Each structure stands twice: as structure tokens, then as C-alpha cells.
Protein backbone atom coordinates (compact mmCIF):
# COMPACT_ATOMS: atom_id res chain seq x y z
CA MET A 1 -33.05 89.68 2.73
CA ASN A 2 -29.76 87.82 3.20
CA LYS A 3 -28.75 86.56 6.58
CA LYS A 4 -25.29 87.80 7.54
CA VAL A 5 -22.96 85.00 8.60
CA TYR A 6 -20.36 85.74 11.23
CA ARG A 7 -17.28 83.56 11.51
CA ILE A 8 -15.62 83.06 14.84
CA ALA A 9 -11.84 82.69 14.60
CA ALA A 10 -10.59 79.17 15.30
CA ASP A 11 -8.43 80.31 18.21
CA VAL A 12 -11.37 82.13 19.83
CA ARG A 13 -13.56 79.08 19.33
CA ALA A 14 -10.89 76.82 20.88
CA ASP A 15 -10.53 79.24 23.80
CA ILE A 16 -14.29 79.23 24.45
CA ILE A 17 -14.42 75.43 24.34
CA LYS A 18 -11.39 75.17 26.64
CA ARG A 19 -12.91 77.56 29.15
CA VAL A 20 -16.17 75.60 29.22
CA LYS A 21 -14.51 72.18 29.45
CA ASP A 22 -11.48 72.88 31.63
CA ASP A 23 -12.18 76.05 33.59
CA GLY A 24 -15.81 75.34 34.48
CA VAL A 25 -17.23 78.47 32.83
CA SER A 26 -20.91 77.97 31.99
CA VAL A 27 -21.93 77.82 28.36
CA ALA A 28 -24.32 80.73 28.92
CA GLU A 29 -21.61 82.90 30.43
CA ALA A 30 -19.04 82.11 27.71
CA ALA A 31 -21.58 82.74 24.96
CA LYS A 32 -22.69 86.02 26.49
CA GLN A 33 -19.09 87.25 26.89
CA HIS A 34 -18.40 86.65 23.19
CA GLY A 35 -21.76 87.81 21.85
CA ILE A 36 -22.80 84.47 20.39
CA HIS A 37 -25.79 82.24 20.98
CA GLU A 38 -25.58 79.40 23.52
CA SER A 39 -26.66 76.87 20.90
CA THR A 40 -23.55 77.74 18.88
CA VAL A 41 -21.30 76.76 21.79
CA TYR A 42 -23.32 73.58 22.39
CA ASN A 43 -22.91 72.70 18.69
CA TRP A 44 -19.15 73.18 18.96
CA LEU A 45 -19.02 70.98 22.05
CA GLY A 46 -21.12 68.30 20.35
CA THR A 47 -19.01 68.35 17.20
CA GLY A 48 -15.81 67.91 19.19
CA ALA A 49 -17.26 64.98 21.11
CA ALA A 50 -18.45 63.08 18.03
CA GLY A 51 -15.29 63.16 15.94
CA ALA A 52 -11.56 63.12 16.32
CA PRO A 53 -10.01 65.40 18.94
CA SER A 54 -9.52 69.02 17.96
CA TRP A 55 -5.99 70.28 17.33
CA PRO A 56 -5.65 71.87 20.78
CA GLU A 57 -6.88 68.63 22.39
CA PHE A 58 -4.53 66.62 20.18
CA ALA A 59 -1.57 68.79 21.19
CA LYS A 60 -2.49 68.42 24.87
CA LEU A 61 -2.74 64.63 24.53
CA LYS A 62 0.62 64.53 22.76
CA ARG A 63 2.28 66.53 25.56
CA GLU A 64 0.74 64.23 28.18
CA ARG A 65 1.92 61.16 26.25
CA ASP A 66 5.45 62.55 25.99
CA GLU A 67 5.52 63.26 29.72
CA LEU A 68 4.30 59.74 30.52
CA LEU A 69 6.93 58.20 28.24
CA ARG A 70 9.61 60.30 29.97
CA LEU A 71 8.42 59.08 33.38
CA VAL A 72 8.35 55.44 32.24
CA GLY A 73 11.90 55.80 30.92
CA GLU A 74 13.09 57.35 34.17
CA LEU A 75 11.46 54.62 36.26
CA THR A 76 12.91 51.92 34.00
CA VAL A 77 16.41 53.30 34.49
CA ARG A 78 15.92 53.47 38.26
CA LEU A 79 14.61 49.90 38.42
CA SER A 80 17.43 48.62 36.24
CA SER A 81 20.09 50.29 38.40
CA ALA A 82 18.43 49.03 41.59
CA GLN A 83 18.42 45.47 40.25
CA LYS A 84 22.09 45.73 39.31
CA LYS A 85 22.93 46.82 42.86
CA GLY A 86 21.06 43.80 44.22
CA TRP A 87 18.44 45.90 45.93
């Protein structure tokens, strides 16, 4: 008898991982809501921790980096203008 393999869509998987990591939803609750086994979610979490960041994490880090660069630029301009005024 063949074991049927179910694939979880990448966006659903990313959503489950995000809810567990960021929103504080328990692994058991997230797994139950999506009809998958808890060990599957733990495997996903472990895989993400061992390797490079996932695409959603990468996009989040890129947005945070861009915001920090914008703030550094703004502060640099303010400091430069304050120094020119003799502040």
C-alpha cells in the first residue's frame, strides 16, 4: 500500500511559521488548525533555523535594512546641517 503524500503550499507553510514565531500561536494549535502533525511544523521550524533565512524572512530583513539606512541618512543630514549652523 502506498503512502499518500500531501504537499502544503509554500505560502501556507510560511504563514504557519510566521504565526508560530511572530504571533505566539502554539505549534499544537497551528498544526491542528491546518490538519497537519505537530512534528511537521517542528521540522519546518528546525529547517529554517539551520540554513539561510526563508524568502519571507529575507524580505522582512531587507525592509528593516532599508528603513535603517533611511534613518541613518536622515540623521546624517540633520547632523551636517546642525554643524554648519554652529550648533
